[in-house]
Amino acid sequence: MPFQKDHKLGFTSDDPLDRKPICFKVKPGVRDKLKSVPDWQGRLRAVVDQLIEESLGG
């Protein structure tokens, strides 16, 4: 049974993520190594936030 439009059930979060991903290319082999790092997505998000803070002089 498919979900109905505007349904109120499903995953919700106090800290939602943007629907559009950021994509960038890396050197060969980096992708596989990165996926082996525990919690790599959360850790990468933290590094990106830190990079933005440093760049904006925050």
C-alpha atoms as a PDB file:
ATOM      1  CA  MET A   1       0.000   0.000   0.000  1.00  0.00           C
ATOM      2  CA  PRO A   2       1.634   3.295  -1.055  1.00  0.00           C
ATOM      3  CA  PHE A   3       1.796   6.318   1.221  1.00  0.00           C
ATOM      4  CA  GLN A   4      -0.896   8.901   0.723  1.00  0.00           C
ATOM      5  CA  LYS A   5       0.130  12.454  -0.101  1.00  0.00           C
ATOM      6  CA  ASP A   6       0.581  14.755   2.900  1.00  0.00           C
ATOM      7  CA  HIS A   7       0.598  11.828   5.330  1.00  0.00           C
ATOM      8  CA  LYS A   8       1.602  12.624   8.906  1.00  0.00           C
ATOM      9  CA  LEU A   9       3.406   9.356   9.604  1.00  0.00           C
ATOM     10  CA  GLY A  10       7.043   8.656   8.956  1.00  0.00           C
ATOM     11  CA  PHE A  11      10.501   9.782  10.004  1.00  0.00           C
ATOM     12  CA  THR A  12      10.885  13.207  11.590  1.00  0.00           C
ATOM     13  CA  SER A  13      13.947  14.862  13.092  1.00  0.00           C
ATOM     14  CA  ASP A  14      14.756  17.795  15.356  1.00  0.00           C
ATOM     15  CA  ASP A  15      17.721  18.537  13.082  1.00  0.00           C
ATOM     16  CA  PRO A  16      16.510  17.866   9.507  1.00  0.00           C
ATOM     17  CA  LEU A  17      18.891  17.677   6.564  1.00  0.00           C
ATOM     18  CA  ASP A  18      18.586  19.428   3.223  1.00  0.00           C
ATOM     19  CA  ARG A  19      16.943  17.319   0.528  1.00  0.00           C
ATOM     20  CA  LYS A  20      19.594  18.240  -2.042  1.00  0.00           C
ATOM     21  CA  PRO A  21      22.945  16.481  -1.451  1.00  0.00           C
ATOM     22  CA  ILE A  22      26.335  18.071  -1.961  1.00  0.00           C
ATOM     23  CA  CYS A  23      28.408  16.036  -4.406  1.00  0.00           C
ATOM     24  CA  PHE A  24      32.105  16.320  -5.127  1.00  0.00           C
ATOM     25  CA  LYS A  25      34.747  14.186  -6.760  1.00  0.00           C
ATOM     26  CA  VAL A  26      37.631  12.604  -4.879  1.00  0.00           C
ATOM     27  CA  LYS A  27      40.781  10.773  -5.877  1.00  0.00           C
ATOM     28  CA  PRO A  28      40.490   7.086  -6.791  1.00  0.00           C
ATOM     29  CA  GLY A  29      40.126   4.837  -3.735  1.00  0.00           C
ATOM     30  CA  VAL A  30      39.053   7.603  -1.330  1.00  0.00           C
ATOM     31  CA  ARG A  31      35.350   6.709  -1.589  1.00  0.00           C
ATOM     32  CA  ASP A  32      35.888   3.134  -0.395  1.00  0.00           C
ATOM     33  CA  LYS A  33      38.217   4.218   2.414  1.00  0.00           C
ATOM     34  CA  LEU A  34      35.760   6.885   3.568  1.00  0.00           C
ATOM     35  CA  LYS A  35      32.889   4.390   3.728  1.00  0.00           C
ATOM     36  CA  SER A  36      34.951   2.229   6.096  1.00  0.00           C
ATOM     37  CA  VAL A  37      35.191   5.079   8.654  1.00  0.00           C
ATOM     38  CA  PRO A  38      32.584   4.769  11.447  1.00  0.00           C
ATOM     39  CA  ASP A  39      29.954   7.564  11.356  1.00  0.00           C
ATOM     40  CA  TRP A  40      31.700   9.137   8.365  1.00  0.00           C
ATOM     41  CA  GLN A  41      28.666  11.147   7.294  1.00  0.00           C
ATOM     42  CA  GLY A  42      28.156  12.802  10.678  1.00  0.00           C
ATOM     43  CA  ARG A  43      31.851  13.485  11.076  1.00  0.00           C
ATOM     44  CA  LEU A  44      32.070  14.962   7.576  1.00  0.00           C
ATOM     45  CA  ARG A  45      29.078  17.220   8.305  1.00  0.00           C
ATOM     46  CA  ALA A  46      30.885  18.496  11.413  1.00  0.00           C
ATOM     47  CA  VAL A  47      34.034  19.247   9.392  1.00  0.00           C
ATOM     48  CA  VAL A  48      31.985  21.106   6.774  1.00  0.00           C
ATOM     49  CA  ASP A  49      30.303  23.189   9.499  1.00  0.00           C
ATOM     50  CA  GLN A  50      33.724  23.987  10.982  1.00  0.00           C
ATOM     51  CA  LEU A  51      35.092  24.960   7.550  1.00  0.00           C
ATOM     52  CA  ILE A  52      32.182  27.337   7.000  1.00  0.00           C
ATOM     53  CA  GLU A  53      32.649  28.921  10.452  1.00  0.00           C
ATOM     54  CA  GLU A  54      36.370  29.464   9.824  1.00  0.00           C
ATOM     55  CA  SER A  55      35.758  30.898   6.359  1.00  0.00           C
ATOM     56  CA  LEU A  56      33.124  33.349   7.535  1.00  0.00           C
ATOM     57  CA  GLY A  57      35.201  34.468  10.505  1.00  0.00           C
ATOM     58  CA  GLY A  58      32.517  33.209  12.832  1.00  0.00           C
END
